[in-house]
C-alpha cells in the first residue's frame, strides 16, 4: 500500500485561510491561498522561489469550474500580476521548491504535464490561451520534474480540487462487479458505477428525450443544466459524467423524480439499496 505523510498548517488558524502543506521526503512546499489573502502571502516561506501555480474559480454564467495553470521564476510577483489582470479566480495553489532547486526548464516541463493532464481529464475549463511549451530534460532532471509533478497532483486533490483526477480510477475501470444499469420500460438507458466520490454515469449512456412535467421544480433547473453539459451530445454521454448521488444521476437520465437507490440495479436485477445493505 502506498502511504504518504502530509503536514498541513492553517496559517490563519482556519481552514478557509492560507494553508501550507508539506510531504515527507519532498523538496517542495505548497500553499492554498484565497485571493483576499494575497497581500498576506508575501510573508510565506519560499513564495518568491521558482515554481508552478494554479488559479481556480467558477464561471459565473455556466457554473463550470475554471482553472489557469502557470509557472514563474518568482511566484509571488506573478500572483500580484494576476490579481490585477485575471478576474475569474478566487483561490490559487502554489508549488515551489524549498531550496529553489527547480529551474526554468523544470517548471516549463511540469507546467506542460499539468496542462495536458487537466485537459485529458476534462473536469475544468482551462483558461490558458495556448498549450505551454514543454522543455526537454534528460536523466536526473526529468526524474526530478516528474516526481514534483506527481506530488502536485496529489496535493491538489488533497486541497479539494480534482482537476487532475480521473473520474473513474483504475480501481473501477473494467470492473463488471460494480456495474449498475438503469432501465425504463425494458429499455436500457444507462450504465453507472458508485465510487468514493459520487455516482458516475458511464460513457455511452443516453437520456430520455423530454423532462416530465411532474419533475419537482427544484430539480428542473438542475436537470436542464446537466443535460446541457459538454459531456452529452445528441442525447448520448460522450464522456463519463460524475453526479453527487445515484438519484441525481437517475433524474438527469429519466427526466423525472427518481430514487436512484431503487432505479439502479446490477446485472442480476438487485437494487442498489439492497447491494449497499449487504456490503
C-alpha atoms as a PDB file:
ATOM      1  CA  UNK A   1       0.000   0.000   0.000  1.00  0.00           C
ATOM      2  CA  UNK A   2       1.343   3.431  -0.963  1.00  0.00           C
ATOM      3  CA  UNK A   3       1.280   5.747   2.030  1.00  0.00           C
ATOM      4  CA  UNK A   4       2.133   9.427   2.379  1.00  0.00           C
ATOM      5  CA  UNK A   5       2.691  11.562   5.454  1.00  0.00           C
ATOM      6  CA  UNK A   6       1.272  15.058   4.986  1.00  0.00           C
ATOM      7  CA  UNK A   7       1.750  18.029   7.301  1.00  0.00           C
ATOM      8  CA  UNK A   8      -0.778  20.848   6.984  1.00  0.00           C
ATOM      9  CA  UNK A   9      -0.585  24.217   8.708  1.00  0.00           C
ATOM     10  CA  UNK A  10      -3.546  26.605   8.901  1.00  0.00           C
ATOM     11  CA  UNK A  11      -1.653  29.877   8.619  1.00  0.00           C
ATOM     12  CA  UNK A  12      -4.674  31.966   9.665  1.00  0.00           C
ATOM     13  CA  UNK A  13      -5.972  29.391  12.123  1.00  0.00           C
ATOM     14  CA  UNK A  14      -8.945  28.466   9.918  1.00  0.00           C
ATOM     15  CA  UNK A  15      -9.425  26.029   7.006  1.00  0.00           C
ATOM     16  CA  UNK A  16     -10.654  28.878   4.784  1.00  0.00           C
ATOM     17  CA  UNK A  17      -7.455  30.919   5.091  1.00  0.00           C
ATOM     18  CA  UNK A  18      -3.958  30.235   3.812  1.00  0.00           C
ATOM     19  CA  UNK A  19      -2.964  26.572   4.140  1.00  0.00           C
ATOM     20  CA  UNK A  20       0.550  25.210   3.888  1.00  0.00           C
ATOM     21  CA  UNK A  21       1.074  21.538   3.027  1.00  0.00           C
ATOM     22  CA  UNK A  22       4.288  19.535   3.080  1.00  0.00           C
ATOM     23  CA  UNK A  23       5.016  15.914   2.242  1.00  0.00           C
ATOM     24  CA  UNK A  24       7.725  13.890   3.931  1.00  0.00           C
ATOM     25  CA  UNK A  25      10.828  13.454   1.786  1.00  0.00           C
ATOM     26  CA  UNK A  26       9.726  16.109  -0.731  1.00  0.00           C
ATOM     27  CA  UNK A  27      11.850  19.067  -1.780  1.00  0.00           C
ATOM     28  CA  UNK A  28       8.786  21.227  -2.271  1.00  0.00           C
ATOM     29  CA  UNK A  29       6.298  23.225  -0.255  1.00  0.00           C
ATOM     30  CA  UNK A  30       2.749  24.099  -1.304  1.00  0.00           C
ATOM     31  CA  UNK A  31       0.184  26.709  -0.352  1.00  0.00           C
ATOM     32  CA  UNK A  32      -3.511  27.240  -0.901  1.00  0.00           C
ATOM     33  CA  UNK A  33      -4.088  30.981  -0.932  1.00  0.00           C
ATOM     34  CA  UNK A  34      -7.519  32.681  -1.091  1.00  0.00           C
ATOM     35  CA  UNK A  35      -7.460  35.721  -3.337  1.00  0.00           C
ATOM     36  CA  UNK A  36      -8.256  38.083  -0.470  1.00  0.00           C
ATOM     37  CA  UNK A  37      -5.108  36.864   1.327  1.00  0.00           C
ATOM     38  CA  UNK A  38      -2.653  37.678  -1.470  1.00  0.00           C
ATOM     39  CA  UNK A  39      -1.034  40.552   0.407  1.00  0.00           C
ATOM     40  CA  UNK A  40      -0.504  38.357   3.468  1.00  0.00           C
ATOM     41  CA  UNK A  41       1.082  35.687   1.261  1.00  0.00           C
ATOM     42  CA  UNK A  42       4.212  37.795   0.738  1.00  0.00           C
ATOM     43  CA  UNK A  43       5.439  36.566   4.134  1.00  0.00           C
ATOM     44  CA  UNK A  44       5.227  32.877   3.209  1.00  0.00           C
ATOM     45  CA  UNK A  45       8.452  30.913   3.103  1.00  0.00           C
ATOM     46  CA  UNK A  46       9.816  30.364  -0.427  1.00  0.00           C
ATOM     47  CA  UNK A  47       6.875  32.224  -2.045  1.00  0.00           C
ATOM     48  CA  UNK A  48       9.349  34.164  -4.244  1.00  0.00           C
ATOM     49  CA  UNK A  49      11.002  30.974  -5.469  1.00  0.00           C
ATOM     50  CA  UNK A  50      10.633  29.302  -8.856  1.00  0.00           C
ATOM     51  CA  UNK A  51       7.563  27.096  -9.206  1.00  0.00           C
ATOM     52  CA  UNK A  52       4.150  26.488 -10.721  1.00  0.00           C
ATOM     53  CA  UNK A  53       0.709  27.685  -9.699  1.00  0.00           C
ATOM     54  CA  UNK A  54      -2.961  27.054 -10.449  1.00  0.00           C
ATOM     55  CA  UNK A  55      -5.620  29.765 -10.376  1.00  0.00           C
ATOM     56  CA  UNK A  56      -9.080  28.342  -9.589  1.00  0.00           C
ATOM     57  CA  UNK A  57     -12.578  29.762  -9.903  1.00  0.00           C
ATOM     58  CA  UNK A  58     -16.065  29.276 -11.305  1.00  0.00           C
ATOM     59  CA  UNK A  59     -17.682  30.596 -14.483  1.00  0.00           C
ATOM     60  CA  UNK A  60     -20.440  32.911 -13.259  1.00  0.00           C
ATOM     61  CA  UNK A  61     -22.682  32.201 -16.260  1.00  0.00           C
ATOM     62  CA  UNK A  62     -22.404  28.427 -16.549  1.00  0.00           C
ATOM     63  CA  UNK A  63     -21.281  27.422 -13.074  1.00  0.00           C
ATOM     64  CA  UNK A  64     -18.428  25.391 -14.587  1.00  0.00           C
ATOM     65  CA  UNK A  65     -15.090  25.095 -12.822  1.00  0.00           C
ATOM     66  CA  UNK A  66     -12.289  27.111 -14.375  1.00  0.00           C
ATOM     67  CA  UNK A  67      -8.527  26.984 -13.921  1.00  0.00           C
ATOM     68  CA  UNK A  68      -5.370  28.608 -15.223  1.00  0.00           C
ATOM     69  CA  UNK A  69      -2.054  26.738 -14.972  1.00  0.00           C
ATOM     70  CA  UNK A  70       1.153  28.772 -14.963  1.00  0.00           C
ATOM     71  CA  UNK A  71       4.813  28.952 -13.999  1.00  0.00           C
ATOM     72  CA  UNK A  72       7.134  31.689 -12.821  1.00  0.00           C
ATOM     73  CA  UNK A  73      10.636  32.243 -11.531  1.00  0.00           C
ATOM     74  CA  UNK A  74       9.123  34.469  -8.834  1.00  0.00           C
ATOM     75  CA  UNK A  75       5.713  33.072  -7.908  1.00  0.00           C
ATOM     76  CA  UNK A  76       4.575  35.909  -5.664  1.00  0.00           C
ATOM     77  CA  UNK A  77       5.316  38.620  -8.226  1.00  0.00           C
ATOM     78  CA  UNK A  78       3.348  36.666 -10.838  1.00  0.00           C
ATOM     79  CA  UNK A  79       0.363  36.277  -8.488  1.00  0.00           C
ATOM     80  CA  UNK A  80       0.293  40.032  -7.920  1.00  0.00           C
ATOM     81  CA  UNK A  81       0.111  40.495 -11.697  1.00  0.00           C
ATOM     82  CA  UNK A  82      -2.783  38.036 -11.990  1.00  0.00           C
ATOM     83  CA  UNK A  83      -4.577  39.773  -9.145  1.00  0.00           C
ATOM     84  CA  UNK A  84      -4.836  42.768 -11.477  1.00  0.00           C
ATOM     85  CA  UNK A  85      -5.377  41.163 -14.888  1.00  0.00           C
ATOM     86  CA  UNK A  86      -7.442  37.989 -14.303  1.00  0.00           C
ATOM     87  CA  UNK A  87     -10.905  38.222 -12.809  1.00  0.00           C
ATOM     88  CA  UNK A  88     -12.297  34.667 -12.628  1.00  0.00           C
ATOM     89  CA  UNK A  89     -10.174  33.161  -9.875  1.00  0.00           C
ATOM     90  CA  UNK A  90     -10.909  33.061  -6.153  1.00  0.00           C
ATOM     91  CA  UNK A  91      -8.116  30.789  -4.880  1.00  0.00           C
ATOM     92  CA  UNK A  92      -4.692  29.733  -6.047  1.00  0.00           C
ATOM     93  CA  UNK A  93      -2.458  26.759  -5.359  1.00  0.00           C
ATOM     94  CA  UNK A  94       1.285  27.333  -5.300  1.00  0.00           C
ATOM     95  CA  UNK A  95       4.047  24.720  -5.562  1.00  0.00           C
ATOM     96  CA  UNK A  96       7.690  25.756  -5.129  1.00  0.00           C
ATOM     97  CA  UNK A  97      10.945  24.050  -4.180  1.00  0.00           C
ATOM     98  CA  UNK A  98      12.106  24.969  -0.704  1.00  0.00           C
ATOM     99  CA  UNK A  99      15.747  25.264  -1.766  1.00  0.00           C
ATOM    100  CA  UNK A 100      14.889  26.883  -5.126  1.00  0.00           C
ATOM    101  CA  UNK A 101      16.443  23.897  -6.903  1.00  0.00           C
ATOM    102  CA  UNK A 102      13.833  23.946  -9.689  1.00  0.00           C
ATOM    103  CA  UNK A 103      14.975  25.912 -12.723  1.00  0.00           C
ATOM    104  CA  UNK A 104      13.093  27.313 -15.709  1.00  0.00           C
ATOM    105  CA  UNK A 105      13.398  24.068 -17.669  1.00  0.00           C
ATOM    106  CA  UNK A 106      11.944  22.051 -14.783  1.00  0.00           C
ATOM    107  CA  UNK A 107       8.882  24.244 -14.316  1.00  0.00           C
ATOM    108  CA  UNK A 108       8.167  24.505 -18.054  1.00  0.00           C
ATOM    109  CA  UNK A 109       8.201  20.704 -18.203  1.00  0.00           C
ATOM    110  CA  UNK A 110       5.885  20.452 -15.162  1.00  0.00           C
ATOM    111  CA  UNK A 111       3.530  23.174 -16.423  1.00  0.00           C
ATOM    112  CA  UNK A 112       3.075  21.335 -19.714  1.00  0.00           C
ATOM    113  CA  UNK A 113       2.421  17.997 -17.986  1.00  0.00           C
ATOM    114  CA  UNK A 114      -0.216  19.582 -15.727  1.00  0.00           C
ATOM    115  CA  UNK A 115      -1.902  21.317 -18.664  1.00  0.00           C
ATOM    116  CA  UNK A 116      -2.097  18.096 -20.696  1.00  0.00           C
ATOM    117  CA  UNK A 117      -3.411  16.100 -17.743  1.00  0.00           C
ATOM    118  CA  UNK A 118      -6.095  18.664 -16.891  1.00  0.00           C
ATOM    119  CA  UNK A 119      -7.318  18.759 -20.477  1.00  0.00           C
ATOM    120  CA  UNK A 120      -7.355  14.974 -20.704  1.00  0.00           C
ATOM    121  CA  UNK A 121      -9.418  14.657 -17.518  1.00  0.00           C
ATOM    122  CA  UNK A 122     -11.738  17.495 -18.682  1.00  0.00           C
ATOM    123  CA  UNK A 123     -13.198  18.383 -15.301  1.00  0.00           C
ATOM    124  CA  UNK A 124     -12.270  22.073 -15.570  1.00  0.00           C
ATOM    125  CA  UNK A 125     -12.341  24.716 -18.282  1.00  0.00           C
ATOM    126  CA  UNK A 126      -8.649  25.519 -18.750  1.00  0.00           C
ATOM    127  CA  UNK A 127      -8.152  29.257 -19.262  1.00  0.00           C
ATOM    128  CA  UNK A 128      -4.691  29.114 -20.849  1.00  0.00           C
ATOM    129  CA  UNK A 129      -4.763  30.668 -24.308  1.00  0.00           C
ATOM    130  CA  UNK A 130      -2.376  28.043 -25.676  1.00  0.00           C
ATOM    131  CA  UNK A 131      -0.615  24.838 -24.720  1.00  0.00           C
ATOM    132  CA  UNK A 132       2.519  25.614 -22.683  1.00  0.00           C
ATOM    133  CA  UNK A 133       5.820  24.780 -24.327  1.00  0.00           C
ATOM    134  CA  UNK A 134       7.429  21.653 -22.890  1.00  0.00           C
ATOM    135  CA  UNK A 135      11.146  21.840 -22.206  1.00  0.00           C
ATOM    136  CA  UNK A 136      13.437  18.894 -22.884  1.00  0.00           C
ATOM    137  CA  UNK A 137      15.008  17.290 -19.823  1.00  0.00           C
ATOM    138  CA  UNK A 138      17.442  14.412 -19.532  1.00  0.00           C
ATOM    139  CA  UNK A 139      18.234  11.859 -16.860  1.00  0.00           C
ATOM    140  CA  UNK A 140      18.042  13.088 -13.274  1.00  0.00           C
ATOM    141  CA  UNK A 141      16.402  16.386 -14.245  1.00  0.00           C
ATOM    142  CA  UNK A 142      13.457  14.617 -15.883  1.00  0.00           C
ATOM    143  CA  UNK A 143      13.046  12.257 -12.924  1.00  0.00           C
ATOM    144  CA  UNK A 144      13.108  15.196 -10.501  1.00  0.00           C
ATOM    145  CA  UNK A 145      10.488  17.069 -12.550  1.00  0.00           C
ATOM    146  CA  UNK A 146       8.182  14.043 -12.865  1.00  0.00           C
ATOM    147  CA  UNK A 147       8.321  13.397  -9.130  1.00  0.00           C
ATOM    148  CA  UNK A 148       7.473  17.030  -8.434  1.00  0.00           C
ATOM    149  CA  UNK A 149       4.595  16.838 -10.915  1.00  0.00           C
ATOM    150  CA  UNK A 150       3.209  13.733  -9.188  1.00  0.00           C
ATOM    151  CA  UNK A 151       3.279  15.467  -5.793  1.00  0.00           C
ATOM    152  CA  UNK A 152       1.422  18.436  -7.257  1.00  0.00           C
ATOM    153  CA  UNK A 153      -1.382  16.180  -8.497  1.00  0.00           C
ATOM    154  CA  UNK A 154      -1.662  14.518  -5.094  1.00  0.00           C
ATOM    155  CA  UNK A 155      -1.709  17.765  -3.119  1.00  0.00           C
ATOM    156  CA  UNK A 156      -4.152  19.446  -5.498  1.00  0.00           C
ATOM    157  CA  UNK A 157      -6.631  16.653  -4.819  1.00  0.00           C
ATOM    158  CA  UNK A 158      -5.998  16.865  -1.065  1.00  0.00           C
ATOM    159  CA  UNK A 159      -6.773  20.585  -1.191  1.00  0.00           C
ATOM    160  CA  UNK A 160     -10.167  19.586  -2.592  1.00  0.00           C
ATOM    161  CA  UNK A 161      -9.628  20.297  -6.295  1.00  0.00           C
ATOM    162  CA  UNK A 162      -9.951  17.248  -8.571  1.00  0.00           C
ATOM    163  CA  UNK A 163      -8.684  18.936 -11.708  1.00  0.00           C
ATOM    164  CA  UNK A 164      -6.161  16.125 -12.363  1.00  0.00           C
ATOM    165  CA  UNK A 165      -8.177  13.158 -11.056  1.00  0.00           C
ATOM    166  CA  UNK A 166      -9.731  10.719 -13.497  1.00  0.00           C
ATOM    167  CA  UNK A 167     -13.465  10.381 -12.828  1.00  0.00           C
ATOM    168  CA  UNK A 168     -13.007   6.617 -12.870  1.00  0.00           C
ATOM    169  CA  UNK A 169      -9.847   5.423 -11.164  1.00  0.00           C
ATOM    170  CA  UNK A 170      -8.118   2.183 -12.115  1.00  0.00           C
ATOM    171  CA  UNK A 171      -9.986   0.523  -9.238  1.00  0.00           C
ATOM    172  CA  UNK A 172     -13.279   0.904 -11.115  1.00  0.00           C
ATOM    173  CA  UNK A 173     -12.239   0.595 -14.755  1.00  0.00           C
ATOM    174  CA  UNK A 174     -13.226  -2.695 -16.408  1.00  0.00           C
ATOM    175  CA  UNK A 175     -14.853  -3.782 -13.150  1.00  0.00           C
ATOM    176  CA  UNK A 176     -18.103  -5.542 -14.076  1.00  0.00           C
ATOM    177  CA  UNK A 177     -18.774  -6.454 -10.452  1.00  0.00           C
ATOM    178  CA  UNK A 178     -19.672  -2.838  -9.576  1.00  0.00           C
ATOM    179  CA  UNK A 179     -21.540  -2.119 -12.818  1.00  0.00           C
ATOM    180  CA  UNK A 180     -25.128  -0.877 -12.449  1.00  0.00           C
ATOM    181  CA  UNK A 181     -27.882  -0.478 -15.037  1.00  0.00           C
ATOM    182  CA  UNK A 182     -30.798   1.922 -15.413  1.00  0.00           C
ATOM    183  CA  UNK A 183     -33.760   0.747 -17.486  1.00  0.00           C
ATOM    184  CA  UNK A 184     -37.174   2.185 -18.250  1.00  0.00           C
ATOM    185  CA  UNK A 185     -39.954   0.176 -19.909  1.00  0.00           C
ATOM    186  CA  UNK A 186     -37.438  -2.614 -20.506  1.00  0.00           C
ATOM    187  CA  UNK A 187     -35.124  -0.250 -22.392  1.00  0.00           C
ATOM    188  CA  UNK A 188     -31.594   0.114 -21.068  1.00  0.00           C
ATOM    189  CA  UNK A 189     -30.738   3.804 -20.873  1.00  0.00           C
ATOM    190  CA  UNK A 190     -27.571   3.907 -18.839  1.00  0.00           C
ATOM    191  CA  UNK A 191     -24.783   2.186 -17.026  1.00  0.00           C
ATOM    192  CA  UNK A 192     -23.047   3.579 -13.968  1.00  0.00           C
ATOM    193  CA  UNK A 193     -20.778   2.940 -11.014  1.00  0.00           C
ATOM    194  CA  UNK A 194     -20.965   4.125  -7.420  1.00  0.00           C
ATOM    195  CA  UNK A 195     -17.490   5.432  -6.493  1.00  0.00           C
ATOM    196  CA  UNK A 196     -15.825   7.048  -3.498  1.00  0.00           C
ATOM    197  CA  UNK A 197     -16.516  10.488  -4.963  1.00  0.00           C
ATOM    198  CA  UNK A 198     -20.108  10.046  -6.108  1.00  0.00           C
ATOM    199  CA  UNK A 199     -22.015   8.293  -8.878  1.00  0.00           C
ATOM    200  CA  UNK A 200     -20.529   8.070 -12.371  1.00  0.00           C
ATOM    201  CA  UNK A 201     -22.747   7.755 -15.442  1.00  0.00           C
ATOM    202  CA  UNK A 202     -20.666   5.850 -17.980  1.00  0.00           C
ATOM    203  CA  UNK A 203     -19.864   6.986 -21.492  1.00  0.00           C
ATOM    204  CA  UNK A 204     -22.384   5.627 -23.995  1.00  0.00           C
ATOM    205  CA  UNK A 205     -25.384   6.061 -21.692  1.00  0.00           C
ATOM    206  CA  UNK A 206     -28.337   8.013 -23.062  1.00  0.00           C
ATOM    207  CA  UNK A 207     -31.057  10.307 -21.731  1.00  0.00           C
ATOM    208  CA  UNK A 208     -34.806  10.325 -22.351  1.00  0.00           C
ATOM    209  CA  UNK A 209     -35.901  12.985 -24.801  1.00  0.00           C
ATOM    210  CA  UNK A 210     -38.044  15.102 -22.508  1.00  0.00           C
ATOM    211  CA  UNK A 211     -38.211  16.276 -18.923  1.00  0.00           C
ATOM    212  CA  UNK A 212     -41.514  15.262 -17.304  1.00  0.00           C
ATOM    213  CA  UNK A 213     -43.921  17.977 -16.234  1.00  0.00           C
ATOM    214  CA  UNK A 214     -44.146  16.218 -12.878  1.00  0.00           C
ATOM    215  CA  UNK A 215     -40.464  16.771 -12.081  1.00  0.00           C
ATOM    216  CA  UNK A 216     -40.056  18.812  -8.923  1.00  0.00           C
ATOM    217  CA  UNK A 217     -39.474  22.495  -9.785  1.00  0.00           C
ATOM    218  CA  UNK A 218     -36.313  22.496  -7.698  1.00  0.00           C
ATOM    219  CA  UNK A 219     -34.880  19.754  -9.923  1.00  0.00           C
ATOM    220  CA  UNK A 220     -35.925  21.101 -13.317  1.00  0.00           C
ATOM    221  CA  UNK A 221     -33.129  23.685 -13.420  1.00  0.00           C
ATOM    222  CA  UNK A 222     -30.613  21.082 -12.278  1.00  0.00           C
ATOM    223  CA  UNK A 223     -31.701  18.543 -14.899  1.00  0.00           C
ATOM    224  CA  UNK A 224     -31.615  21.133 -17.695  1.00  0.00           C
ATOM    225  CA  UNK A 225     -28.138  22.325 -16.694  1.00  0.00           C
ATOM    226  CA  UNK A 226     -26.751  18.796 -16.551  1.00  0.00           C
ATOM    227  CA  UNK A 227     -28.355  17.837 -19.848  1.00  0.00           C
ATOM    228  CA  UNK A 228     -26.610  20.806 -21.462  1.00  0.00           C
ATOM    229  CA  UNK A 229     -23.239  19.547 -20.257  1.00  0.00           C
ATOM    230  CA  UNK A 230     -20.455  19.166 -22.801  1.00  0.00           C
ATOM    231  CA  UNK A 231     -20.368  15.508 -21.704  1.00  0.00           C
ATOM    232  CA  UNK A 232     -23.625  14.944 -23.631  1.00  0.00           C
ATOM    233  CA  UNK A 233     -24.093  15.211 -27.391  1.00  0.00           C
ATOM    234  CA  UNK A 234     -27.321  14.319 -29.190  1.00  0.00           C
ATOM    235  CA  UNK A 235     -28.663  12.700 -26.043  1.00  0.00           C
ATOM    236  CA  UNK A 236     -25.636  10.408 -25.583  1.00  0.00           C
ATOM    237  CA  UNK A 237     -22.921  10.700 -22.941  1.00  0.00           C
ATOM    238  CA  UNK A 238     -19.644  11.032 -24.823  1.00  0.00           C
ATOM    239  CA  UNK A 239     -17.633  11.082 -21.576  1.00  0.00           C
ATOM    240  CA  UNK A 240     -18.045   9.619 -18.113  1.00  0.00           C
ATOM    241  CA  UNK A 241     -20.119  12.041 -16.044  1.00  0.00           C
ATOM    242  CA  UNK A 242     -19.877  12.484 -12.269  1.00  0.00           C
ATOM    243  CA  UNK A 243     -23.019  13.124 -10.204  1.00  0.00           C
ATOM    244  CA  UNK A 244     -23.355  13.701  -6.486  1.00  0.00           C
ATOM    245  CA  UNK A 245     -25.757  10.795  -5.867  1.00  0.00           C
ATOM    246  CA  UNK A 246     -27.411   7.870  -7.692  1.00  0.00           C
ATOM    247  CA  UNK A 247     -30.742   9.721  -7.513  1.00  0.00           C
ATOM    248  CA  UNK A 248     -29.362  12.835  -9.215  1.00  0.00           C
ATOM    249  CA  UNK A 249     -27.924  10.605 -11.933  1.00  0.00           C
ATOM    250  CA  UNK A 250     -31.343   8.987 -12.449  1.00  0.00           C
ATOM    251  CA  UNK A 251     -33.038  12.404 -12.625  1.00  0.00           C
ATOM    252  CA  UNK A 252     -30.689  13.509 -15.402  1.00  0.00           C
ATOM    253  CA  UNK A 253     -31.278  10.353 -17.436  1.00  0.00           C
ATOM    254  CA  UNK A 254     -35.016   9.803 -16.936  1.00  0.00           C
ATOM    255  CA  UNK A 255     -36.065  13.445 -16.623  1.00  0.00           C
ATOM    256  CA  UNK A 256     -38.416  12.722 -13.726  1.00  0.00           C
ATOM    257  CA  UNK A 257     -38.400  12.369  -9.957  1.00  0.00           C
ATOM    258  CA  UNK A 258     -36.362   9.265  -9.209  1.00  0.00           C
ATOM    259  CA  UNK A 259     -34.990   7.312  -6.285  1.00  0.00           C
ATOM    260  CA  UNK A 260     -31.664   6.154  -7.635  1.00  0.00           C
ATOM    261  CA  UNK A 261     -31.255   3.517  -4.971  1.00  0.00           C
ATOM    262  CA  UNK A 262     -34.312   1.786  -6.446  1.00  0.00           C
ATOM    263  CA  UNK A 263     -33.705   2.647 -10.115  1.00  0.00           C
ATOM    264  CA  UNK A 264     -30.108   1.439 -10.431  1.00  0.00           C
ATOM    265  CA  UNK A 265     -29.712  -2.357 -10.458  1.00  0.00           C
ATOM    266  CA  UNK A 266     -26.930  -4.833 -11.066  1.00  0.00           C
ATOM    267  CA  UNK A 267     -26.972  -7.448 -13.821  1.00  0.00           C
ATOM    268  CA  UNK A 268     -28.902  -9.857 -11.557  1.00  0.00           C
ATOM    269  CA  UNK A 269     -31.623  -7.237 -11.087  1.00  0.00           C
ATOM    270  CA  UNK A 270     -30.805  -6.422  -7.458  1.00  0.00           C
ATOM    271  CA  UNK A 271     -31.444  -2.804  -6.471  1.00  0.00           C
ATOM    272  CA  UNK A 272     -28.580  -0.600  -5.362  1.00  0.00           C
ATOM    273  CA  UNK A 273     -30.131  -0.169  -1.907  1.00  0.00           C
ATOM    274  CA  UNK A 274     -30.080  -3.955  -1.422  1.00  0.00           C
ATOM    275  CA  UNK A 275     -26.463  -4.212  -2.541  1.00  0.00           C
ATOM    276  CA  UNK A 276     -25.357  -1.459  -0.161  1.00  0.00           C
ATOM    277  CA  UNK A 277     -27.118  -3.019   2.819  1.00  0.00           C
ATOM    278  CA  UNK A 278     -25.333  -6.331   2.275  1.00  0.00           C
ATOM    279  CA  UNK A 279     -21.831  -4.913   1.731  1.00  0.00           C
END
